[in-house]
C-alpha atoms as a PDB file:
ATOM      1  CA  UNK A   1     -56.042  82.882 145.529  1.00  0.00           C
ATOM      2  CA  UNK A   2     -58.430  83.638 142.674  1.00  0.00           C
ATOM      3  CA  UNK A   3     -58.926  87.326 142.012  1.00  0.00           C
ATOM      4  CA  UNK A   4     -62.268  88.713 140.859  1.00  0.00           C
ATOM      5  CA  UNK A   5     -61.927  91.041 137.882  1.00  0.00           C
ATOM      6  CA  UNK A   6     -65.440  92.442 138.192  1.00  0.00           C
ATOM      7  CA  UNK A   7     -68.543  92.077 140.320  1.00  0.00           C
ATOM      8  CA  UNK A   8     -72.098  92.728 139.146  1.00  0.00           C
ATOM      9  CA  UNK A   9     -75.458  92.592 140.909  1.00  0.00           C
ATOM     10  CA  UNK A  10     -78.529  91.683 138.905  1.00  0.00           C
ATOM     11  CA  UNK A  11     -82.168  91.697 139.951  1.00  0.00           C
ATOM     12  CA  UNK A  12     -85.464  90.511 138.498  1.00  0.00           C
ATOM     13  CA  UNK A  13     -88.794  90.110 140.338  1.00  0.00           C
ATOM     14  CA  UNK A  14     -87.655  88.872 143.770  1.00  0.00           C
ATOM     15  CA  UNK A  15     -84.442  87.183 142.567  1.00  0.00           C
ATOM     16  CA  UNK A  16     -81.006  88.671 143.206  1.00  0.00           C
ATOM     17  CA  UNK A  17     -77.776  87.470 141.584  1.00  0.00           C
ATOM     18  CA  UNK A  18     -74.209  88.343 142.567  1.00  0.00           C
ATOM     19  CA  UNK A  19     -71.895  87.714 139.614  1.00  0.00           C
ATOM     20  CA  UNK A  20     -68.104  87.401 139.954  1.00  0.00           C
ATOM     21  CA  UNK A  21     -65.938  87.532 136.816  1.00  0.00           C
ATOM     22  CA  UNK A  22     -62.534  85.837 136.900  1.00  0.00           C
ATOM     23  CA  UNK A  23     -59.830  85.009 134.364  1.00  0.00           C
ATOM     24  CA  UNK A  24     -60.544  81.583 132.896  1.00  0.00           C
ATOM     25  CA  UNK A  25     -61.927  79.417 130.135  1.00  0.00           C
ATOM     26  CA  UNK A  26     -65.664  80.150 130.061  1.00  0.00           C
ATOM     27  CA  UNK A  27     -66.955  77.966 132.883  1.00  0.00           C
ATOM     28  CA  UNK A  28     -70.170  79.239 134.520  1.00  0.00           C
ATOM     29  CA  UNK A  29     -70.986  78.056 138.053  1.00  0.00           C
ATOM     30  CA  UNK A  30     -74.359  78.932 139.633  1.00  0.00           C
ATOM     31  CA  UNK A  31     -74.716  78.242 143.381  1.00  0.00           C
ATOM     32  CA  UNK A  32     -71.960  75.609 143.252  1.00  0.00           C
ATOM     33  CA  UNK A  33     -73.410  73.752 140.240  1.00  0.00           C
ATOM     34  CA  UNK A  34     -72.744  73.947 136.513  1.00  0.00           C
ATOM     35  CA  UNK A  35     -75.138  76.363 134.763  1.00  0.00           C
ATOM     36  CA  UNK A  36     -76.790  73.565 132.714  1.00  0.00           C
ATOM     37  CA  UNK A  37     -77.212  71.482 135.851  1.00  0.00           C
ATOM     38  CA  UNK A  38     -78.741  74.311 137.916  1.00  0.00           C
ATOM     39  CA  UNK A  39     -81.300  75.598 135.400  1.00  0.00           C
ATOM     40  CA  UNK A  40     -83.994  73.214 134.153  1.00  0.00           C
ATOM     41  CA  UNK A  41     -84.468  74.337 130.554  1.00  0.00           C
ATOM     42  CA  UNK A  42     -82.047  75.116 127.749  1.00  0.00           C
ATOM     43  CA  UNK A  43     -83.844  78.440 127.329  1.00  0.00           C
ATOM     44  CA  UNK A  44     -82.839  79.542 130.848  1.00  0.00           C
ATOM     45  CA  UNK A  45     -79.220  78.517 130.191  1.00  0.00           C
ATOM     46  CA  UNK A  46     -79.306  80.466 126.919  1.00  0.00           C
ATOM     47  CA  UNK A  47     -80.600  83.564 128.757  1.00  0.00           C
ATOM     48  CA  UNK A  48     -77.568  83.469 131.069  1.00  0.00           C
ATOM     49  CA  UNK A  49     -75.178  83.106 128.074  1.00  0.00           C
ATOM     50  CA  UNK A  50     -76.613  86.005 126.042  1.00  0.00           C
ATOM     51  CA  UNK A  51     -74.409  88.874 127.355  1.00  0.00           C
ATOM     52  CA  UNK A  52     -71.301  86.782 126.616  1.00  0.00           C
ATOM     53  CA  UNK A  53     -72.445  86.103 123.045  1.00  0.00           C
ATOM     54  CA  UNK A  54     -73.307  89.767 122.386  1.00  0.00           C
ATOM     55  CA  UNK A  55     -69.903  90.984 123.624  1.00  0.00           C
ATOM     56  CA  UNK A  56     -68.062  87.932 122.143  1.00  0.00           C
ATOM     57  CA  UNK A  57     -66.513  86.922 125.489  1.00  0.00           C
ATOM     58  CA  UNK A  58     -67.676  83.272 125.509  1.00  0.00           C
ATOM     59  CA  UNK A  59     -64.384  81.653 126.580  1.00  0.00           C
ATOM     60  CA  UNK A  60     -62.509  84.517 128.234  1.00  0.00           C
ATOM     61  CA  UNK A  61     -63.866  84.440 131.794  1.00  0.00           C
ATOM     62  CA  UNK A  62     -64.867  81.993 134.503  1.00  0.00           C
ATOM     63  CA  UNK A  63     -68.110  83.174 136.050  1.00  0.00           C
ATOM     64  CA  UNK A  64     -69.237  82.452 139.595  1.00  0.00           C
ATOM     65  CA  UNK A  65     -72.864  83.340 140.349  1.00  0.00           C
ATOM     66  CA  UNK A  66     -74.654  83.334 143.708  1.00  0.00           C
ATOM     67  CA  UNK A  67     -78.392  83.683 143.141  1.00  0.00           C
ATOM     68  CA  UNK A  68     -81.289  83.545 145.595  1.00  0.00           C
ATOM     69  CA  UNK A  69     -84.979  84.402 145.756  1.00  0.00           C
ATOM     70  CA  UNK A  70     -87.736  83.997 143.211  1.00  0.00           C
ATOM     71  CA  UNK A  71     -88.108  81.152 140.727  1.00  0.00           C
ATOM     72  CA  UNK A  72     -85.774  79.824 138.079  1.00  0.00           C
ATOM     73  CA  UNK A  73     -86.937  82.177 135.295  1.00  0.00           C
ATOM     74  CA  UNK A  74     -86.465  85.223 137.512  1.00  0.00           C
ATOM     75  CA  UNK A  75     -83.095  83.904 138.639  1.00  0.00           C
ATOM     76  CA  UNK A  76     -81.950  83.387 135.038  1.00  0.00           C
ATOM     77  CA  UNK A  77     -82.897  86.974 134.171  1.00  0.00           C
ATOM     78  CA  UNK A  78     -81.172  88.238 137.328  1.00  0.00           C
ATOM     79  CA  UNK A  79     -78.011  86.370 136.228  1.00  0.00           C
ATOM     80  CA  UNK A  80     -78.247  88.016 132.788  1.00  0.00           C
ATOM     81  CA  UNK A  81     -78.551  91.472 134.369  1.00  0.00           C
ATOM     82  CA  UNK A  82     -75.665  90.910 136.806  1.00  0.00           C
ATOM     83  CA  UNK A  83     -73.402  89.403 134.147  1.00  0.00           C
ATOM     84  CA  UNK A  84     -74.056  92.373 131.855  1.00  0.00           C
ATOM     85  CA  UNK A  85     -73.096  94.799 134.628  1.00  0.00           C
ATOM     86  CA  UNK A  86     -69.930  92.839 135.402  1.00  0.00           C
ATOM     87  CA  UNK A  87     -68.898  92.735 131.718  1.00  0.00           C
ATOM     88  CA  UNK A  88     -69.436  96.492 131.576  1.00  0.00           C
ATOM     89  CA  UNK A  89     -66.840  96.977 134.347  1.00  0.00           C
ATOM     90  CA  UNK A  90     -64.287  94.922 132.401  1.00  0.00           C
ATOM     91  CA  UNK A  91     -64.934  96.532 129.008  1.00  0.00           C
ATOM     92  CA  UNK A  92     -66.795  99.900 129.020  1.00  0.00           C
ATOM     93  CA  UNK A  93     -66.814  99.840 125.187  1.00  0.00           C
ATOM     94  CA  UNK A  94     -69.328  96.967 125.228  1.00  0.00           C
ATOM     95  CA  UNK A  95     -71.973  99.308 126.668  1.00  0.00           C
ATOM     96  CA  UNK A  96     -73.534 100.080 123.278  1.00  0.00           C
ATOM     97  CA  UNK A  97     -74.150  96.435 122.352  1.00  0.00           C
ATOM     98  CA  UNK A  98     -75.404  95.502 125.840  1.00  0.00           C
ATOM     99  CA  UNK A  99     -77.702  98.516 126.025  1.00  0.00           C
ATOM    100  CA  UNK A 100     -79.053  97.952 122.511  1.00  0.00           C
ATOM    101  CA  UNK A 101     -80.192  94.476 123.562  1.00  0.00           C
ATOM    102  CA  UNK A 102     -81.698  95.814 126.795  1.00  0.00           C
ATOM    103  CA  UNK A 103     -79.437  93.799 129.125  1.00  0.00           C
ATOM    104  CA  UNK A 104     -78.466  96.762 131.326  1.00  0.00           C
ATOM    105  CA  UNK A 105     -82.056  97.722 132.131  1.00  0.00           C
ATOM    106  CA  UNK A 106     -83.476  96.245 135.326  1.00  0.00           C
ATOM    107  CA  UNK A 107     -86.839  94.668 134.449  1.00  0.00           C
ATOM    108  CA  UNK A 108     -88.972  96.338 137.120  1.00  0.00           C
ATOM    109  CA  UNK A 109     -92.129  94.247 136.628  1.00  0.00           C
ATOM    110  CA  UNK A 110     -93.125  92.743 139.953  1.00  0.00           C
ATOM    111  CA  UNK A 111     -96.058  90.711 141.204  1.00  0.00           C
ATOM    112  CA  UNK A 112     -98.810  93.046 142.367  1.00  0.00           C
ATOM    113  CA  UNK A 113     -99.666  92.580 146.011  1.00  0.00           C
ATOM    114  CA  UNK A 114    -102.890  90.993 147.170  1.00  0.00           C
ATOM    115  CA  UNK A 115    -105.346  93.536 148.590  1.00  0.00           C
ATOM    116  CA  UNK A 116    -107.054  92.895 151.922  1.00  0.00           C
ATOM    117  CA  UNK A 117    -110.677  91.718 151.778  1.00  0.00           C
ATOM    118  CA  UNK A 118    -110.210  90.411 148.248  1.00  0.00           C
ATOM    119  CA  UNK A 119    -109.272  87.118 146.621  1.00  0.00           C
ATOM    120  CA  UNK A 120    -106.152  88.350 144.849  1.00  0.00           C
ATOM    121  CA  UNK A 121    -104.364  91.392 143.456  1.00  0.00           C
ATOM    122  CA  UNK A 122    -107.107  92.215 140.933  1.00  0.00           C
ATOM    123  CA  UNK A 123    -109.699  89.476 141.510  1.00  0.00           C
ATOM    124  CA  UNK A 124    -112.806  90.602 143.384  1.00  0.00           C
ATOM    125  CA  UNK A 125    -115.521  88.585 145.051  1.00  0.00           C
ATOM    126  CA  UNK A 126    -118.607  88.169 142.882  1.00  0.00           C
ATOM    127  CA  UNK A 127    -121.019  91.089 143.169  1.00  0.00           C
ATOM    128  CA  UNK A 128    -124.527  90.220 144.300  1.00  0.00           C
ATOM    129  CA  UNK A 129    -127.247  92.806 143.779  1.00  0.00           C
ATOM    130  CA  UNK A 130    -129.757  90.872 145.954  1.00  0.00           C
END
């Protein structure tokens, strides 16, 4: 049986990621696929890797991520947030470097809801004086 060293939950927009850290060689699996296979762009893959690079833990852990909700960019940021929280459980000394880069802060920006009787969140119907 594989034992989880740490578990972290990350959120961004409507995406939620559960991150499990295990002893290993640096393999990252997202929803049963390799991280490069799951995310479309190299930028999204790089976002997921950032906490490991900052704390210099690239090849120390195997990471299993379950992510759902939102789009791929939100999911990548949720993975970053969850991975940062999990790394913090393993090594509390890495808090300063993670916090300095803003990886421990939940990005609270959400899509504003559409208002009733209007076309969108901010968009109004055209005003007609006559």
